């Protein structure tokens, strides 16, 4: 049975910024999605990140520093819960859908290390497998399509409704639905066994990063370096 025919679990974060080494989690969602696209169950978290949330980030996800401090859970126990749930998903062999996994899973990894929580890569042995990243897959399956590759753009392209962009639960659900539609439309990814699909994405993500790095070095920054590791950027201390 193809991965597009079974249940998926999707994960998404909203954060204080875009730097995996220094930014923090503000909200998180884990959503189990049925084969028909319906929600089987979901968990959401609002965290107190322990640092001010920049106005630019608040404008995107709608959570202010005051709200996070007043209503958010302490970061450490919430990150322990999130990581434990994801580890269970991956150990079960259920596909874990993460849009731009290199960012979300790497930032979660750094939060684990910051709060003395056992990281996901250590819990699942050898690093997360069975991850499906719609960003990487779309670039691989439809390499020459013009236009943006944001979650909103992918939803528009694949005919998926995204009702509340930058809400972690809504984004997670939309990512899972877009991944499934992608697999249906592109047999080159939809027919691949899950273990092989993961390895395909490792290679594709590295190739995409190398291509972007080459482009940046030709056009704007001769010293540009684009991370090639996927789905988690190794911690280098």
Protein backbone atom coordinates (compact mmCIF):
# COMPACT_ATOMS: atom_id res chain seq x y z
CA UNK A 1 0.00 0.00 0.00
CA UNK A 2 1.37 3.42 -0.97
CA UNK A 3 1.98 6.03 1.70
CA UNK A 4 -0.69 8.20 0.08
CA UNK A 5 -3.37 5.67 1.07
CA UNK A 6 -2.79 5.61 4.83
CA UNK A 7 -2.91 7.82 7.87
CA UNK A 8 -0.36 10.59 8.24
CA UNK A 9 0.68 12.76 11.14
CA UNK A 10 1.62 16.38 10.45
CA UNK A 11 3.75 18.71 12.55
CA UNK A 12 4.15 22.48 12.42
CA UNK A 13 5.74 25.26 14.46
CA UNK A 14 5.30 29.01 14.73
CA UNK A 15 8.35 30.68 16.19
CA UNK A 16 10.12 33.88 17.21
CA UNK A 17 12.11 34.02 13.97
CA UNK A 18 13.94 32.04 11.31
CA UNK A 19 17.30 31.17 12.89
CA UNK A 20 17.33 27.54 14.04
CA UNK A 21 20.22 28.20 16.41
CA UNK A 22 18.74 31.10 18.35
CA UNK A 23 14.98 31.35 17.80
CA UNK A 24 12.32 29.74 19.95
CA UNK A 25 9.02 27.89 19.61
CA UNK A 26 5.85 29.90 20.25
CA UNK A 27 3.14 27.48 19.08
CA UNK A 28 3.20 23.89 17.89
CA UNK A 29 0.69 21.41 16.50
CA UNK A 30 0.65 17.68 15.84
CA UNK A 31 -2.32 16.57 13.72
CA UNK A 32 -3.23 12.99 12.78
CA UNK A 33 -4.85 13.03 9.35
CA UNK A 34 -7.07 10.27 7.95
CA UNK A 35 -6.73 8.97 4.37
CA UNK A 36 -9.76 11.07 3.37
CA UNK A 37 -8.08 14.21 4.71
CA UNK A 38 -10.14 14.43 7.90
CA UNK A 39 -8.65 15.07 11.33
CA UNK A 40 -8.36 11.97 13.50
CA UNK A 41 -6.99 13.91 16.47
CA UNK A 42 -4.73 16.86 17.19
CA UNK A 43 -2.65 18.42 19.93
CA UNK A 44 -1.62 22.05 20.10
CA UNK A 45 0.70 23.96 22.40
CA UNK A 46 1.25 27.62 23.25
CA UNK A 47 4.65 28.16 24.86
CA UNK A 48 6.25 30.95 26.78
CA UNK A 49 9.49 31.06 24.76
CA UNK A 50 11.35 32.84 27.55
CA UNK A 51 12.37 35.70 25.25
CA UNK A 52 10.47 38.63 23.71
CA UNK A 53 8.63 37.77 20.50
CA UNK A 54 9.67 40.27 17.81
CA UNK A 55 6.86 42.38 16.39
CA UNK A 56 7.55 40.99 12.91
CA UNK A 57 6.96 37.43 14.14
CA UNK A 58 3.84 38.43 16.11
CA UNK A 59 2.44 40.03 12.98
CA UNK A 60 2.71 36.67 11.21
CA UNK A 61 1.32 34.24 13.79
CA UNK A 62 -0.66 36.62 16.00
CA UNK A 63 0.94 35.77 19.35
CA UNK A 64 2.39 38.63 21.37
CA UNK A 65 5.02 38.45 24.08
CA UNK A 66 2.42 39.37 26.72
CA UNK A 67 0.03 36.67 25.54
CA UNK A 68 2.74 34.01 25.49
CA UNK A 69 3.89 34.96 28.98
CA UNK A 70 0.36 35.00 30.38
CA UNK A 71 -1.09 31.94 28.65
CA UNK A 72 1.87 29.90 27.43
CA UNK A 73 3.24 26.82 29.10
CA UNK A 74 6.85 26.70 30.31
CA UNK A 75 8.96 25.68 27.35
CA UNK A 76 10.81 22.66 28.76
CA UNK A 77 7.85 20.38 29.62
CA UNK A 78 6.02 21.36 26.43
CA UNK A 79 9.07 20.53 24.31
CA UNK A 80 9.39 17.20 26.12
CA UNK A 81 5.76 16.39 25.25
CA UNK A 82 6.11 17.43 21.62
CA UNK A 83 9.33 15.48 21.10
CA UNK A 84 7.94 12.39 22.81
CA UNK A 85 4.87 12.38 20.59
CA UNK A 86 6.92 12.79 17.41
CA UNK A 87 9.27 10.01 18.47
CA UNK A 88 6.28 7.71 18.95
CA UNK A 89 4.97 8.58 15.49
CA UNK A 90 8.29 7.88 13.82
CA UNK A 91 8.88 4.63 15.72
CA UNK A 92 5.45 3.44 14.59
CA UNK A 93 6.39 3.94 10.93
CA UNK A 94 3.59 6.44 10.37
CA UNK A 95 4.59 9.15 7.88
CA UNK A 96 5.39 12.46 9.58
CA UNK A 97 4.61 15.40 7.30
CA UNK A 98 6.64 18.54 7.99
CA UNK A 99 6.66 21.45 5.57
CA UNK A 100 10.29 22.62 5.36
CA UNK A 101 11.39 19.93 7.79
CA UNK A 102 14.96 21.21 7.78
CA UNK A 103 13.71 24.28 9.67
CA UNK A 104 11.03 22.91 12.02
CA UNK A 105 12.81 19.72 13.06
CA UNK A 106 16.17 21.47 13.43
CA UNK A 107 14.71 24.24 15.57
CA UNK A 108 12.96 21.62 17.74
CA UNK A 109 16.32 19.85 18.07
CA UNK A 110 17.97 23.04 19.33
CA UNK A 111 15.13 23.69 21.78
CA UNK A 112 15.60 20.18 23.15
CA UNK A 113 19.29 20.82 23.73
CA UNK A 114 18.57 24.23 25.25
CA UNK A 115 16.15 22.75 27.81
CA UNK A 116 17.98 19.47 28.55
CA UNK A 117 15.38 17.38 26.71
CA UNK A 118 16.53 14.26 24.83
CA UNK A 119 16.47 15.27 21.14
CA UNK A 120 14.38 13.48 18.56
CA UNK A 121 17.47 12.24 16.69
CA UNK A 122 18.58 10.37 19.80
CA UNK A 123 15.15 8.91 20.54
CA UNK A 124 14.59 7.31 17.16
CA UNK A 125 18.13 6.02 16.51
CA UNK A 126 19.97 7.17 13.43
CA UNK A 127 17.81 10.25 13.00
CA UNK A 128 14.18 10.71 11.96
CA UNK A 129 13.01 8.55 9.07
CA UNK A 130 9.59 8.36 7.38
CA UNK A 131 9.50 12.16 7.14
CA UNK A 132 7.59 13.68 4.22
CA UNK A 133 8.48 17.26 3.33
CA UNK A 134 6.11 18.81 0.77
CA UNK A 135 8.65 21.52 -0.01
CA UNK A 136 11.40 19.08 -0.95
CA UNK A 137 9.04 16.71 -2.76
CA UNK A 138 7.40 19.43 -4.83
CA UNK A 139 10.75 20.81 -5.96
CA UNK A 140 11.82 17.29 -6.88
CA UNK A 141 8.64 16.21 -8.65
CA UNK A 142 7.97 19.48 -10.49
CA UNK A 143 11.42 21.02 -10.71
CA UNK A 144 10.84 23.54 -13.47
CA UNK A 145 7.48 24.98 -12.39
CA UNK A 146 7.66 28.74 -12.00
CA UNK A 147 6.48 30.55 -8.92
CA UNK A 148 6.81 30.39 -5.16
CA UNK A 149 6.92 27.18 -3.11
CA UNK A 150 5.45 28.43 0.16
CA UNK A 151 2.76 26.35 1.86
CA UNK A 152 0.11 28.77 0.62
CA UNK A 153 1.44 28.50 -2.92
CA UNK A 154 1.50 24.70 -2.77
CA UNK A 155 -2.05 24.62 -1.44
CA UNK A 156 -3.21 26.80 -4.30
CA UNK A 157 -1.38 24.67 -6.85
CA UNK A 158 -2.69 21.34 -5.52
CA UNK A 159 -6.20 22.56 -4.76
CA UNK A 160 -5.97 22.33 -0.97
CA UNK A 161 -7.84 24.71 1.32
CA UNK A 162 -5.75 26.62 3.87
CA UNK A 163 -8.23 28.42 6.09
CA UNK A 164 -5.97 30.06 8.66
CA UNK A 165 -2.40 30.44 7.41
CA UNK A 166 0.28 30.62 10.12
CA UNK A 167 -1.91 28.86 12.65
CA UNK A 168 0.19 25.79 13.46
CA UNK A 169 -2.70 23.32 13.37
CA UNK A 170 -4.12 24.71 10.13
CA UNK A 171 -0.70 24.71 8.48
CA UNK A 172 0.02 21.14 9.61
CA UNK A 173 -3.30 19.86 8.24
CA UNK A 174 -2.84 21.69 4.94
CA UNK A 175 0.70 20.32 4.57
CA UNK A 176 -0.54 16.75 4.98
CA UNK A 177 -3.34 17.24 2.48
CA UNK A 178 -0.96 18.88 -0.01
CA UNK A 179 1.55 16.03 0.38
CA UNK A 180 -1.14 13.47 -0.36
CA UNK A 181 -2.34 15.35 -3.44
CA UNK A 182 1.25 15.67 -4.58
CA UNK A 183 1.70 11.92 -4.30
CA UNK A 184 -1.47 11.32 -6.31
CA UNK A 185 -0.45 13.71 -9.09
CA UNK A 186 3.21 12.66 -9.27
CA UNK A 187 3.64 8.90 -9.42
CA UNK A 188 7.40 9.38 -9.25
CA UNK A 189 6.97 10.17 -5.55
CA UNK A 190 3.54 8.72 -4.77
CA UNK A 191 4.52 5.18 -5.77
CA UNK A 192 7.79 5.13 -3.80
CA UNK A 193 7.96 3.03 -0.64
CA UNK A 194 8.15 5.18 2.48
CA UNK A 195 11.69 4.17 3.45
CA UNK A 196 12.90 4.81 -0.09
CA UNK A 197 11.00 8.10 -0.20
CA UNK A 198 12.89 9.31 2.85
CA UNK A 199 16.22 8.55 1.21
CA UNK A 200 15.04 10.18 -2.00
CA UNK A 201 14.35 13.37 -0.06
CA UNK A 202 17.75 13.30 1.63
CA UNK A 203 19.35 13.30 -1.81
CA UNK A 204 16.89 15.76 -3.33
CA UNK A 205 17.26 18.24 -0.47
CA UNK A 206 21.05 18.16 -0.85
CA UNK A 207 20.80 18.68 -4.60
CA UNK A 208 18.34 21.56 -4.16
CA UNK A 209 20.59 23.23 -1.60
CA UNK A 210 23.63 22.86 -3.86
CA UNK A 211 21.69 24.38 -6.76
CA UNK A 212 20.57 27.34 -4.65
CA UNK A 213 24.07 27.87 -3.31
CA UNK A 214 25.48 27.90 -6.84
CA UNK A 215 22.84 30.40 -7.93
CA UNK A 216 23.52 32.71 -4.98
CA UNK A 217 27.26 32.59 -5.58
CA UNK A 218 26.75 33.53 -9.23
CA UNK A 219 24.26 36.32 -8.62
CA UNK A 220 24.64 37.96 -5.22
CA UNK A 221 26.97 36.39 -2.65
CA UNK A 222 30.21 34.69 -3.76
CA UNK A 223 30.59 33.14 -0.30
CA UNK A 224 27.01 31.91 0.17
CA UNK A 225 26.60 28.58 1.97
CA UNK A 226 23.28 26.74 1.90
CA UNK A 227 22.79 23.87 4.34
CA UNK A 228 22.42 20.50 2.61
CA UNK A 229 21.51 18.25 5.54
CA UNK A 230 17.88 17.09 5.81
CA UNK A 231 15.61 16.62 7.75
CA UNK A 232 17.67 17.77 10.76
CA UNK A 233 20.73 20.01 10.54
CA UNK A 234 23.39 18.36 12.72
CA UNK A 235 24.13 20.13 15.98
CA UNK A 236 27.65 21.45 15.88
CA UNK A 237 27.86 22.91 19.35
